[in-house]
Protein backbone atom coordinates (compact mmCIF):
# COMPACT_ATOMS: atom_id res chain seq x y z
CA MET A 1 123.31 94.63 116.41
CA GLU A 2 119.86 93.09 115.93
CA ILE A 3 117.92 94.99 113.25
CA LEU A 4 114.25 94.55 112.32
CA THR A 5 113.32 95.52 108.75
CA LEU A 6 109.89 97.09 108.17
CA ILE A 7 108.11 98.70 105.23
CA ILE A 8 106.11 101.88 105.97
CA LYS A 9 104.26 104.63 104.15
CA GLN A 10 105.89 107.98 103.39
CA LYS A 11 103.63 109.86 105.83
CA PHE A 12 104.73 107.74 108.80
CA PHE A 13 108.37 107.79 107.67
CA ASP A 14 108.31 111.60 107.67
CA GLU A 15 106.71 111.63 111.13
CA ILE A 16 109.47 109.37 112.49
CA LEU A 17 112.20 111.59 111.04
CA SER A 18 110.58 114.72 112.50
CA GLY A 19 110.20 113.09 115.94
CA LYS A 20 106.39 113.32 115.87
CA LYS A 21 105.92 109.53 115.68
CA THR A 22 107.70 107.90 118.62
CA GLN A 23 106.15 104.42 118.50
CA GLU A 24 105.69 101.78 115.81
CA PHE A 25 102.87 99.23 116.09
CA ARG A 26 102.68 95.86 114.34
CA GLU A 27 99.96 93.24 114.64
CA ILE A 28 101.27 89.83 115.67
CA ARG A 29 99.90 87.03 113.52
CA PRO A 30 100.78 83.34 113.47
CA THR A 31 102.85 83.98 110.33
CA THR A 32 104.82 86.84 111.94
CA GLN A 33 105.15 85.85 115.58
CA LYS A 34 108.71 84.55 115.10
CA LYS A 35 109.62 88.05 113.88
CA TYR A 36 108.07 89.87 116.85
CA CYS A 37 108.06 87.44 119.82
CA GLN A 38 110.59 85.49 121.80
CA LEU A 39 109.61 81.88 121.10
CA ASP A 40 109.94 78.76 123.21
CA ALA A 41 111.01 75.33 121.88
CA ASP A 42 107.43 74.63 120.74
CA GLY A 43 107.16 77.88 118.77
CA TYR A 44 104.92 79.78 121.20
CA CYS A 45 105.53 83.25 122.60
CA VAL A 46 107.50 83.20 125.85
CA GLU A 47 105.71 84.52 128.93
CA LYS A 48 107.46 86.00 131.95
CA ASP A 49 105.30 86.79 134.98
CA GLY A 50 102.23 86.59 132.71
CA ILE A 51 103.64 89.06 130.18
CA LEU A 52 104.43 88.01 126.61
CA GLN A 53 108.03 88.80 125.71
CA PRO A 54 108.90 90.65 122.49
CA LYS A 55 111.93 89.70 120.45
CA ARG A 56 114.72 92.13 121.21
CA TYR A 57 115.92 94.50 118.51
CA ASP A 58 118.49 97.28 118.77
CA ALA A 59 117.13 99.18 115.77
CA ILE A 60 114.51 99.16 113.04
CA GLN A 61 115.45 99.67 109.39
CA PHE A 62 112.46 101.44 107.87
CA PHE A 63 111.94 101.44 104.09
CA VAL A 64 109.32 103.51 102.29
CA GLY A 65 107.46 101.19 99.93
CA TYR A 66 109.01 98.57 97.70
CA ASN A 67 110.74 100.59 94.94
CA LYS A 68 114.46 100.10 94.32
CA ASP A 69 115.33 103.77 94.98
CA ARG A 70 113.36 104.25 98.18
CA ALA A 71 113.95 106.34 101.26
CA SER A 72 115.16 104.53 104.36
CA ALA A 73 116.19 105.19 107.93
CA LEU A 74 117.79 103.19 110.71
CA VAL A 75 116.08 104.09 114.00
CA GLU A 76 117.07 103.09 117.51
CA VAL A 77 114.64 100.90 119.49
CA LYS A 78 114.49 102.08 123.12
CA GLY A 79 112.00 99.43 124.25
CA ALA A 80 109.26 97.06 123.19
CA LYS A 81 106.17 95.45 124.65
CA ILE A 82 103.38 93.17 123.53
CA GLU A 83 99.78 94.28 124.06
CA LEU A 84 96.86 91.85 123.96
CA PHE A 85 93.58 92.98 122.39
CA GLU A 86 90.39 92.88 124.46
CA ASP A 87 86.73 93.11 123.52
CA GLU A 88 84.30 95.61 125.08
CA ASN A 89 83.88 93.30 128.12
CA HIS A 90 87.66 93.16 128.69
CA ASN A 91 87.93 89.54 127.53
CA LEU A 92 90.99 88.62 125.50
CA ILE A 93 90.19 88.22 121.81
CA GLU A 94 90.98 84.78 120.44
CA TYR A 95 90.97 83.47 116.88
CA THR A 96 91.79 80.17 115.20
CA TYR A 97 94.43 79.71 112.53
CA GLN A 98 95.07 76.27 111.02
CA GLY A 99 93.39 74.60 113.97
CA GLU A 100 95.39 76.47 116.64
CA ILE A 101 93.96 79.13 118.96
CA TYR A 102 95.83 82.44 119.11
CA LEU A 103 95.39 85.65 121.09
CA ALA A 104 94.99 88.87 119.12
CA ALA A 105 98.03 91.03 119.94
CA GLN A 106 100.37 93.74 118.74
CA VAL A 107 103.96 94.65 119.44
CA VAL A 108 104.78 98.27 120.29
CA TYR A 109 108.28 99.60 119.68
CA ASP A 110 109.46 102.76 121.43
CA LEU A 111 111.59 104.62 118.92
CA GLY A 112 114.74 106.55 119.77
CA ARG A 113 117.16 108.55 117.68
CA VAL A 114 117.51 108.30 113.92
CA MET A 115 120.91 106.65 113.49
CA GLU A 116 121.10 106.81 109.68
CA LYS A 117 118.86 108.12 106.94
CA ASN A 118 118.71 108.01 103.17
CA VAL A 119 116.01 110.31 101.79
């Protein structure tokens, strides 16, 4: 089973457990793209039919904060997609990091059932 580990705030953790929050969003940055994207041999996000491909995870292990005795939950991932950010004119937003041009993007995880919890 492929599990992504994420740190979240208590408010969002509680919303996930109650079923109110059904999606988790994370900005994709050059330093985190290997965590969120399928990468090609050159280290760039894989595209299929013009759509960037997220890295596949079966579940997300959420932890509340960084304390040793923190609440946690293992939550099923039902699906994932990558969304590109656009400006007000619908142009893709680009930025430069260490001389490379990147597109501003986020990954969206569709959350399923809570498989385990420790509160």
